[in-house]
Amino acid sequence: MSKIKILAICILVLALIYFAVVIFSFNTYQGLVTTFDYYALPHKLLWQNETGKTVKTLWFAIILFSILGVIVSISSIGIFLAKKWARKLWLGTSLILLIIHLLRFAVDLILMLISDIEFRYLVLFIRLAEILIFGFLTIISWRFLRKESVKNLFNN
């Protein structure tokens, strides 16, 4: 049973990381708004040109990582309480998260090949680290949570 709780805590840490990304993205957006206010620029300009791309990306990150953070939090609490639905939810969610992070890697790799992005190697390293972490967490989750002895520990 303690291995289940350790897994639940690891999943909760992941949820907290997602919420930290949401806070960072929102703080970055607020910084843009503050800059526009300082220079007395209309807020409608936030959504235009290069700034508009940044703002749209930030809001996409805020929405995506908020949803993922809530789902992952619910999964971790349910696994901690050994609920059957949470085990199934986490198994499905872990696969979806791995796919999302693989897509993030692919998109960033394509952007690096077609444009000149600063810190490209750092971004590539971060995306590879994400894939390794999620791959490892997904494999461990699937191997551990699908064992019959572990399945029997989960109740409705």
N, C-alpha and C. Protein backbone atom coordinates (compact mmCIF):
# COMPACT_ATOMS: atom_id res chain seq x y z
N MET A 1 0.82 -1.21 0.00
CA MET A 1 0.00 0.00 0.00
C MET A 1 0.86 1.26 0.00
N SER A 2 2.04 1.21 0.62
CA SER A 2 2.87 2.40 0.68
C SER A 2 3.38 2.81 -0.70
N LYS A 3 3.58 1.83 -1.61
CA LYS A 3 4.02 2.16 -2.96
C LYS A 3 2.93 2.95 -3.69
N ILE A 4 1.69 2.64 -3.39
CA ILE A 4 0.57 3.37 -3.99
C ILE A 4 0.61 4.83 -3.52
N LYS A 5 0.86 5.03 -2.25
CA LYS A 5 0.91 6.39 -1.70
C LYS A 5 2.10 7.16 -2.27
N ILE A 6 3.23 6.50 -2.46
CA ILE A 6 4.40 7.16 -3.06
C ILE A 6 4.08 7.58 -4.49
N LEU A 7 3.43 6.70 -5.25
CA LEU A 7 3.02 7.05 -6.61
C LEU A 7 2.05 8.22 -6.59
N ALA A 8 1.11 8.21 -5.67
CA ALA A 8 0.14 9.31 -5.56
C ALA A 8 0.84 10.63 -5.26
N ILE A 9 1.85 10.59 -4.41
CA ILE A 9 2.59 11.82 -4.07
C ILE A 9 3.37 12.31 -5.29
N CYS A 10 3.98 11.39 -6.04
CA CYS A 10 4.69 11.78 -7.27
C CYS A 10 3.73 12.42 -8.26
N ILE A 11 2.54 11.88 -8.37
CA ILE A 11 1.54 12.44 -9.28
C ILE A 11 1.08 13.81 -8.78
N LEU A 12 0.94 13.96 -7.48
CA LEU A 12 0.57 15.26 -6.91
C LEU A 12 1.65 16.31 -7.17
N VAL A 13 2.91 15.91 -7.08
CA VAL A 13 4.02 16.83 -7.39
C VAL A 13 3.90 17.29 -8.85
N LEU A 14 3.55 16.37 -9.73
CA LEU A 14 3.34 16.71 -11.13
C LEU A 14 2.23 17.75 -11.27
N ALA A 15 1.14 17.55 -10.55
CA ALA A 15 0.04 18.51 -10.59
C ALA A 15 0.49 19.89 -10.09
N LEU A 16 1.30 19.90 -9.05
CA LEU A 16 1.81 21.17 -8.53
C LEU A 16 2.71 21.86 -9.55
N ILE A 17 3.48 21.08 -10.30
CA ILE A 17 4.31 21.66 -11.37
C ILE A 17 3.42 22.29 -12.44
N TYR A 18 2.34 21.60 -12.80
CA TYR A 18 1.40 22.17 -13.78
C TYR A 18 0.82 23.49 -13.27
N PHE A 19 0.44 23.52 -11.99
CA PHE A 19 -0.10 24.76 -11.45
C PHE A 19 0.96 25.86 -11.39
N ALA A 20 2.22 25.49 -11.16
CA ALA A 20 3.31 26.48 -11.18
C ALA A 20 3.47 27.07 -12.59
N VAL A 21 3.30 26.24 -13.62
CA VAL A 21 3.37 26.73 -15.00
C VAL A 21 2.22 27.70 -15.25
N VAL A 22 1.05 27.40 -14.72
CA VAL A 22 -0.10 28.30 -14.87
C VAL A 22 0.22 29.65 -14.22
N ILE A 23 0.74 29.62 -13.01
CA ILE A 23 1.06 30.86 -12.30
C ILE A 23 2.13 31.65 -13.05
N PHE A 24 3.17 30.97 -13.52
CA PHE A 24 4.23 31.64 -14.28
C PHE A 24 3.68 32.27 -15.56
N SER A 25 2.84 31.52 -16.28
CA SER A 25 2.28 32.04 -17.53
C SER A 25 1.38 33.25 -17.27
N PHE A 26 0.57 33.16 -16.22
CA PHE A 26 -0.31 34.28 -15.91
C PHE A 26 0.50 35.50 -15.46
N ASN A 27 1.55 35.26 -14.70
CA ASN A 27 2.41 36.35 -14.25
C ASN A 27 3.09 37.02 -15.45
N THR A 28 3.50 36.23 -16.44
CA THR A 28 4.10 36.78 -17.65
C THR A 28 3.09 37.62 -18.41
N TYR A 29 1.86 37.12 -18.51
CA TYR A 29 0.80 37.88 -19.16
C TYR A 29 0.56 39.20 -18.43
N GLN A 30 0.49 39.13 -17.10
CA GLN A 30 0.28 40.35 -16.31
C GLN A 30 1.42 41.35 -16.53
N GLY A 31 2.64 40.84 -16.71
CA GLY A 31 3.78 41.71 -17.00
C GLY A 31 3.60 42.44 -18.32
N LEU A 32 3.09 41.73 -19.32
CA LEU A 32 2.80 42.37 -20.60
C LEU A 32 1.74 43.46 -20.46
N VAL A 33 0.69 43.15 -19.72
CA VAL A 33 -0.39 44.12 -19.52
C VAL A 33 0.15 45.35 -18.78
N THR A 34 0.97 45.12 -17.77
CA THR A 34 1.55 46.22 -17.00
C THR A 34 2.43 47.10 -17.90
N THR A 35 3.19 46.47 -18.77
CA THR A 35 4.04 47.22 -19.71
C THR A 35 3.19 48.07 -20.64
N PHE A 36 2.11 47.49 -21.14
CA PHE A 36 1.21 48.25 -22.02
C PHE A 36 0.57 49.41 -21.26
N ASP A 37 0.19 49.17 -20.00
CA ASP A 37 -0.39 50.24 -19.18
C ASP A 37 0.63 51.35 -18.93
N TYR A 38 1.87 50.98 -18.67
CA TYR A 38 2.92 51.95 -18.38
C TYR A 38 3.12 52.90 -19.56
N TYR A 39 3.11 52.33 -20.76
CA TYR A 39 3.30 53.15 -21.95
C TYR A 39 1.97 53.67 -22.53
N ALA A 40 0.89 53.50 -21.81
CA ALA A 40 -0.44 53.98 -22.20
C ALA A 40 -0.86 53.45 -23.57
N LEU A 41 -0.53 52.18 -23.82
CA LEU A 41 -0.93 51.55 -25.08
C LEU A 41 -2.28 50.86 -24.89
N PRO A 42 -3.13 50.89 -25.91
CA PRO A 42 -4.43 50.22 -25.77
C PRO A 42 -4.25 48.70 -25.68
N HIS A 43 -5.08 48.08 -24.88
CA HIS A 43 -4.97 46.63 -24.66
C HIS A 43 -5.28 45.81 -25.90
N LYS A 44 -6.00 46.40 -26.85
CA LYS A 44 -6.30 45.64 -28.06
C LYS A 44 -5.03 45.34 -28.84
N LEU A 45 -3.97 46.13 -28.64
CA LEU A 45 -2.69 45.87 -29.30
C LEU A 45 -2.00 44.61 -28.75
N LEU A 46 -2.40 44.22 -27.54
CA LEU A 46 -1.84 42.99 -26.96
C LEU A 46 -2.08 41.78 -27.87
N TRP A 47 -3.17 41.81 -28.60
CA TRP A 47 -3.58 40.66 -29.39
C TRP A 47 -3.14 40.75 -30.84
N GLN A 48 -2.25 41.68 -31.16
CA GLN A 48 -1.81 41.88 -32.54
C GLN A 48 -0.32 41.59 -32.69
N ASN A 49 0.08 41.25 -33.89
CA ASN A 49 1.48 41.05 -34.28
C ASN A 49 2.17 40.00 -33.40
N GLU A 50 3.44 40.24 -33.11
CA GLU A 50 4.23 39.28 -32.33
C GLU A 50 3.73 39.19 -30.88
N THR A 51 3.31 40.32 -30.34
CA THR A 51 2.78 40.31 -28.98
C THR A 51 1.53 39.45 -28.91
N GLY A 52 0.72 39.51 -29.94
CA GLY A 52 -0.50 38.70 -30.00
C GLY A 52 -0.19 37.22 -29.99
N LYS A 53 0.85 36.81 -30.71
CA LYS A 53 1.25 35.40 -30.69
C LYS A 53 1.66 34.97 -29.29
N THR A 54 2.40 35.85 -28.62
CA THR A 54 2.84 35.54 -27.26
C THR A 54 1.66 35.44 -26.31
N VAL A 55 0.73 36.40 -26.42
CA VAL A 55 -0.44 36.41 -25.53
C VAL A 55 -1.30 35.17 -25.78
N LYS A 56 -1.50 34.81 -27.03
CA LYS A 56 -2.29 33.62 -27.34
C LYS A 56 -1.61 32.36 -26.80
N THR A 57 -0.30 32.28 -26.93
CA THR A 57 0.44 31.14 -26.40
C THR A 57 0.33 31.07 -24.88
N LEU A 58 0.44 32.23 -24.23
CA LEU A 58 0.31 32.26 -22.77
C LEU A 58 -1.07 31.81 -22.32
N TRP A 59 -2.12 32.30 -22.98
CA TRP A 59 -3.47 31.90 -22.59
C TRP A 59 -3.73 30.42 -22.90
N PHE A 60 -3.16 29.92 -23.99
CA PHE A 60 -3.27 28.49 -24.28
C PHE A 60 -2.63 27.69 -23.17
N ALA A 61 -1.43 28.12 -22.73
CA ALA A 61 -0.73 27.42 -21.64
C ALA A 61 -1.52 27.51 -20.35
N ILE A 62 -2.07 28.67 -20.06
CA ILE A 62 -2.85 28.83 -18.82
C ILE A 62 -4.04 27.87 -18.81
N ILE A 63 -4.76 27.82 -19.91
CA ILE A 63 -5.95 26.95 -19.97
C ILE A 63 -5.56 25.48 -19.96
N LEU A 64 -4.60 25.09 -20.81
CA LEU A 64 -4.19 23.69 -20.91
C LEU A 64 -3.65 23.17 -19.58
N PHE A 65 -2.72 23.91 -18.99
CA PHE A 65 -2.10 23.41 -17.77
C PHE A 65 -3.03 23.50 -16.56
N SER A 66 -4.01 24.40 -16.60
CA SER A 66 -5.02 24.42 -15.53
C SER A 66 -5.86 23.14 -15.58
N ILE A 67 -6.30 22.79 -16.78
CA ILE A 67 -7.10 21.57 -16.95
C ILE A 67 -6.29 20.34 -16.56
N LEU A 68 -5.06 20.27 -17.06
CA LEU A 68 -4.21 19.12 -16.73
C LEU A 68 -3.93 19.06 -15.23
N GLY A 69 -3.68 20.21 -14.62
CA GLY A 69 -3.42 20.24 -13.18
C GLY A 69 -4.59 19.72 -12.37
N VAL A 70 -5.79 20.10 -12.75
CA VAL A 70 -6.99 19.63 -12.03
C VAL A 70 -7.16 18.12 -12.21
N ILE A 71 -7.04 17.64 -13.44
CA ILE A 71 -7.20 16.21 -13.70
C ILE A 71 -6.15 15.39 -12.96
N VAL A 72 -4.91 15.84 -13.02
CA VAL A 72 -3.82 15.11 -12.36
C VAL A 72 -4.00 15.17 -10.84
N SER A 73 -4.45 16.29 -10.30
CA SER A 73 -4.71 16.40 -8.86
C SER A 73 -5.79 15.42 -8.42
N ILE A 74 -6.87 15.37 -9.18
CA ILE A 74 -7.95 14.44 -8.86
C ILE A 74 -7.45 13.00 -8.91
N SER A 75 -6.65 12.70 -9.92
CA SER A 75 -6.09 11.35 -10.03
C SER A 75 -5.22 11.00 -8.83
N SER A 76 -4.37 11.95 -8.44
CA SER A 76 -3.46 11.66 -7.32
C SER A 76 -4.21 11.46 -6.01
N ILE A 77 -5.21 12.28 -5.78
CA ILE A 77 -6.00 12.12 -4.54
C ILE A 77 -6.75 10.79 -4.56
N GLY A 78 -7.34 10.45 -5.70
CA GLY A 78 -8.04 9.17 -5.82
C GLY A 78 -7.11 7.98 -5.66
N ILE A 79 -5.92 8.05 -6.22
CA ILE A 79 -4.96 6.95 -6.06
C ILE A 79 -4.51 6.87 -4.61
N PHE A 80 -4.28 8.01 -3.98
CA PHE A 80 -3.90 8.02 -2.56
C PHE A 80 -4.97 7.33 -1.71
N LEU A 81 -6.24 7.53 -2.08
CA LEU A 81 -7.34 6.91 -1.35
C LEU A 81 -7.69 5.51 -1.89
N ALA A 82 -6.91 5.04 -2.87
CA ALA A 82 -7.06 3.71 -3.47
C ALA A 82 -8.44 3.50 -4.09
N LYS A 83 -8.86 4.44 -4.91
CA LYS A 83 -10.13 4.34 -5.61
C LYS A 83 -9.91 3.74 -6.99
N LYS A 84 -10.80 2.82 -7.37
CA LYS A 84 -10.66 2.13 -8.65
C LYS A 84 -10.75 3.10 -9.83
N TRP A 85 -11.68 4.05 -9.77
CA TRP A 85 -11.84 5.01 -10.86
C TRP A 85 -10.58 5.84 -11.05
N ALA A 86 -9.87 6.14 -9.96
CA ALA A 86 -8.66 6.96 -10.05
C ALA A 86 -7.54 6.19 -10.73
N ARG A 87 -7.46 4.90 -10.48
CA ARG A 87 -6.45 4.07 -11.13
C ARG A 87 -6.66 4.09 -12.63
N LYS A 88 -7.90 3.91 -13.06
CA LYS A 88 -8.21 3.94 -14.49
C LYS A 88 -8.00 5.33 -15.08
N LEU A 89 -8.41 6.36 -14.34
CA LEU A 89 -8.23 7.73 -14.80
C LEU A 89 -6.75 8.03 -14.99
N TRP A 90 -5.92 7.65 -14.02
CA TRP A 90 -4.50 7.95 -14.12
C TRP A 90 -3.84 7.17 -15.26
N LEU A 91 -4.22 5.93 -15.46
CA LEU A 91 -3.63 5.16 -16.55
C LEU A 91 -3.92 5.83 -17.90
N GLY A 92 -5.14 6.28 -18.09
CA GLY A 92 -5.48 6.98 -19.32
C GLY A 92 -4.81 8.34 -19.40
N THR A 93 -4.81 9.07 -18.30
CA THR A 93 -4.21 10.40 -18.27
C THR A 93 -2.72 10.35 -18.52
N SER A 94 -2.05 9.36 -17.97
CA SER A 94 -0.60 9.27 -18.15
C SER A 94 -0.24 9.08 -19.62
N LEU A 95 -1.04 8.30 -20.33
CA LEU A 95 -0.80 8.14 -21.77
C LEU A 95 -1.04 9.44 -22.53
N ILE A 96 -2.12 10.13 -22.18
CA ILE A 96 -2.44 11.39 -22.83
C ILE A 96 -1.35 12.43 -22.56
N LEU A 97 -0.85 12.47 -21.33
CA LEU A 97 0.22 13.41 -20.98
C LEU A 97 1.49 13.11 -21.76
N LEU A 98 1.81 11.84 -21.91
CA LEU A 98 2.99 11.47 -22.69
C LEU A 98 2.83 11.92 -24.14
N ILE A 99 1.65 11.72 -24.70
CA ILE A 99 1.39 12.15 -26.08
C ILE A 99 1.48 13.68 -26.20
N ILE A 100 0.91 14.40 -25.23
CA ILE A 100 0.98 15.86 -25.25
C ILE A 100 2.42 16.34 -25.23
N HIS A 101 3.24 15.74 -24.38
CA HIS A 101 4.62 16.18 -24.29
C HIS A 101 5.45 15.74 -25.50
N LEU A 102 5.10 14.63 -26.11
CA LEU A 102 5.74 14.26 -27.38
C LEU A 102 5.39 15.27 -28.48
N LEU A 103 4.14 15.71 -28.50
CA LEU A 103 3.73 16.71 -29.47
C LEU A 103 4.42 18.05 -29.22
N ARG A 104 4.56 18.43 -27.96
CA ARG A 104 5.28 19.67 -27.63
C ARG A 104 6.72 19.59 -28.14
N PHE A 105 7.34 18.43 -27.97
CA PHE A 105 8.71 18.24 -28.46
C PHE A 105 8.76 18.36 -29.97
N ALA A 106 7.82 17.71 -30.65
CA ALA A 106 7.80 17.74 -32.12
C ALA A 106 7.59 19.17 -32.64
N VAL A 107 6.66 19.90 -32.04
CA VAL A 107 6.38 21.27 -32.47
C VAL A 107 7.61 22.15 -32.24
N ASP A 108 8.22 22.04 -31.07
CA ASP A 108 9.40 22.86 -30.79
C ASP A 108 10.57 22.48 -31.70
N LEU A 109 10.71 21.22 -32.01
CA LEU A 109 11.78 20.78 -32.91
C LEU A 109 11.58 21.36 -34.31
N ILE A 110 10.34 21.32 -34.79
CA ILE A 110 10.04 21.90 -36.11
C ILE A 110 10.29 23.40 -36.10
N LEU A 111 9.86 24.08 -35.04
CA LEU A 111 10.08 25.53 -34.95
C LEU A 111 11.57 25.86 -34.92
N MET A 112 12.36 25.02 -34.27
CA MET A 112 13.80 25.26 -34.21
C MET A 112 14.46 25.07 -35.57
N LEU A 113 13.91 24.16 -36.36
CA LEU A 113 14.49 23.90 -37.67
C LEU A 113 14.15 24.99 -38.68
N ILE A 114 12.97 25.62 -38.53
CA ILE A 114 12.56 26.61 -39.53
C ILE A 114 12.78 28.05 -39.10
N SER A 115 13.15 28.28 -37.84
CA SER A 115 13.37 29.65 -37.39
C SER A 115 14.57 29.71 -36.45
N ASP A 116 15.01 30.91 -36.21
CA ASP A 116 16.15 31.13 -35.34
C ASP A 116 15.65 31.48 -33.95
N ILE A 117 15.60 30.49 -33.08
CA ILE A 117 15.09 30.67 -31.73
C ILE A 117 16.27 30.73 -30.76
N GLU A 118 16.25 31.74 -29.89
CA GLU A 118 17.28 31.81 -28.87
C GLU A 118 17.08 30.66 -27.89
N PHE A 119 18.14 30.22 -27.30
CA PHE A 119 18.12 29.17 -26.30
C PHE A 119 17.52 27.88 -26.84
N ARG A 120 17.71 27.61 -28.13
CA ARG A 120 17.08 26.44 -28.73
C ARG A 120 17.53 25.14 -28.07
N TYR A 121 18.79 25.07 -27.68
CA TYR A 121 19.27 23.83 -27.08
C TYR A 121 18.71 23.64 -25.67
N LEU A 122 18.50 24.73 -24.97
CA LEU A 122 17.88 24.64 -23.66
C LEU A 122 16.43 24.15 -23.78
N VAL A 123 15.70 24.71 -24.72
CA VAL A 123 14.31 24.28 -24.95
C VAL A 123 14.28 22.81 -25.34
N LEU A 124 15.18 22.41 -26.23
CA LEU A 124 15.24 21.02 -26.66
C LEU A 124 15.57 20.10 -25.48
N PHE A 125 16.49 20.53 -24.64
CA PHE A 125 16.85 19.75 -23.45
C PHE A 125 15.66 19.61 -22.50
N ILE A 126 14.93 20.69 -22.29
CA ILE A 126 13.75 20.66 -21.41
C ILE A 126 12.69 19.71 -21.96
N ARG A 127 12.44 19.79 -23.26
CA ARG A 127 11.43 18.90 -23.88
C ARG A 127 11.85 17.44 -23.79
N LEU A 128 13.14 17.17 -24.00
CA LEU A 128 13.62 15.79 -23.87
C LEU A 128 13.50 15.30 -22.43
N ALA A 129 13.79 16.18 -21.48
CA ALA A 129 13.63 15.82 -20.07
C ALA A 129 12.17 15.51 -19.75
N GLU A 130 11.25 16.32 -20.31
CA GLU A 130 9.82 16.06 -20.11
C GLU A 130 9.44 14.67 -20.62
N ILE A 131 9.93 14.35 -21.81
CA ILE A 131 9.59 13.06 -22.41
C ILE A 131 10.15 11.92 -21.57
N LEU A 132 11.38 12.06 -21.11
CA LEU A 132 11.97 11.02 -20.28
C LEU A 132 11.21 10.85 -18.97
N ILE A 133 10.87 11.96 -18.34
CA ILE A 133 10.14 11.90 -17.06
C ILE A 133 8.76 11.28 -17.27
N PHE A 134 8.04 11.75 -18.30
CA PHE A 134 6.69 11.21 -18.52
C PHE A 134 6.73 9.78 -19.01
N GLY A 135 7.72 9.46 -19.82
CA GLY A 135 7.86 8.08 -20.27
C GLY A 135 8.11 7.16 -19.09
N PHE A 136 9.01 7.58 -18.22
CA PHE A 136 9.33 6.79 -17.02
C PHE A 136 8.11 6.65 -16.11
N LEU A 137 7.42 7.76 -15.86
CA LEU A 137 6.25 7.74 -14.99
C LEU A 137 5.12 6.91 -15.60
N THR A 138 4.94 6.99 -16.91
CA THR A 138 3.90 6.21 -17.58
C THR A 138 4.21 4.72 -17.51
N ILE A 139 5.45 4.36 -17.81
CA ILE A 139 5.83 2.94 -17.77
C ILE A 139 5.68 2.38 -16.36
N ILE A 140 6.17 3.11 -15.36
CA ILE A 140 6.05 2.65 -13.98
C ILE A 140 4.58 2.52 -13.58
N SER A 141 3.78 3.52 -13.94
CA SER A 141 2.35 3.49 -13.59
C SER A 141 1.67 2.28 -14.22
N TRP A 142 1.92 2.08 -15.52
CA TRP A 142 1.26 0.98 -16.21
C TRP A 142 1.72 -0.37 -15.68
N ARG A 143 2.99 -0.52 -15.41
CA ARG A 143 3.49 -1.80 -14.90
C ARG A 143 2.98 -2.07 -13.48
N PHE A 144 2.98 -1.03 -12.65
CA PHE A 144 2.60 -1.21 -11.26
C PHE A 144 1.09 -1.32 -11.08
N LEU A 145 0.34 -0.40 -11.67
CA LEU A 145 -1.10 -0.35 -11.42
C LEU A 145 -1.90 -1.43 -12.14
N ARG A 146 -1.26 -2.14 -13.08
CA ARG A 146 -1.98 -3.21 -13.78
C ARG A 146 -1.74 -4.59 -13.17
N LYS A 147 -0.90 -4.68 -12.15
CA LYS A 147 -0.69 -5.95 -11.46
C LYS A 147 -1.97 -6.35 -10.72
N GLU A 148 -2.28 -7.61 -10.76
CA GLU A 148 -3.50 -8.09 -10.09
C GLU A 148 -3.46 -7.82 -8.59
N SER A 149 -2.29 -8.00 -7.98
CA SER A 149 -2.19 -7.77 -6.54
C SER A 149 -2.44 -6.30 -6.19
N VAL A 150 -2.05 -5.40 -7.07
CA VAL A 150 -2.28 -3.97 -6.84
C VAL A 150 -3.72 -3.62 -7.16
N LYS A 151 -4.27 -4.19 -8.22
CA LYS A 151 -5.68 -3.93 -8.58
C LYS A 151 -6.60 -4.28 -7.42
N ASN A 152 -6.28 -5.35 -6.72
CA ASN A 152 -7.13 -5.79 -5.61
C ASN A 152 -7.12 -4.82 -4.44
N LEU A 153 -6.10 -3.96 -4.35
CA LEU A 153 -6.04 -2.97 -3.27
C LEU A 153 -6.97 -1.78 -3.50
N PHE A 154 -7.39 -1.61 -4.75
CA PHE A 154 -8.26 -0.50 -5.07
C PHE A 154 -9.72 -0.92 -4.92
N ASN A 155 -10.50 -0.07 -4.27
CA ASN A 155 -11.93 -0.34 -4.10
C ASN A 155 -12.73 0.66 -4.90
N ASN A 156 -14.01 0.48 -4.93
CA ASN A 156 -14.87 1.39 -5.69
C ASN A 156 -14.98 2.66 -4.93
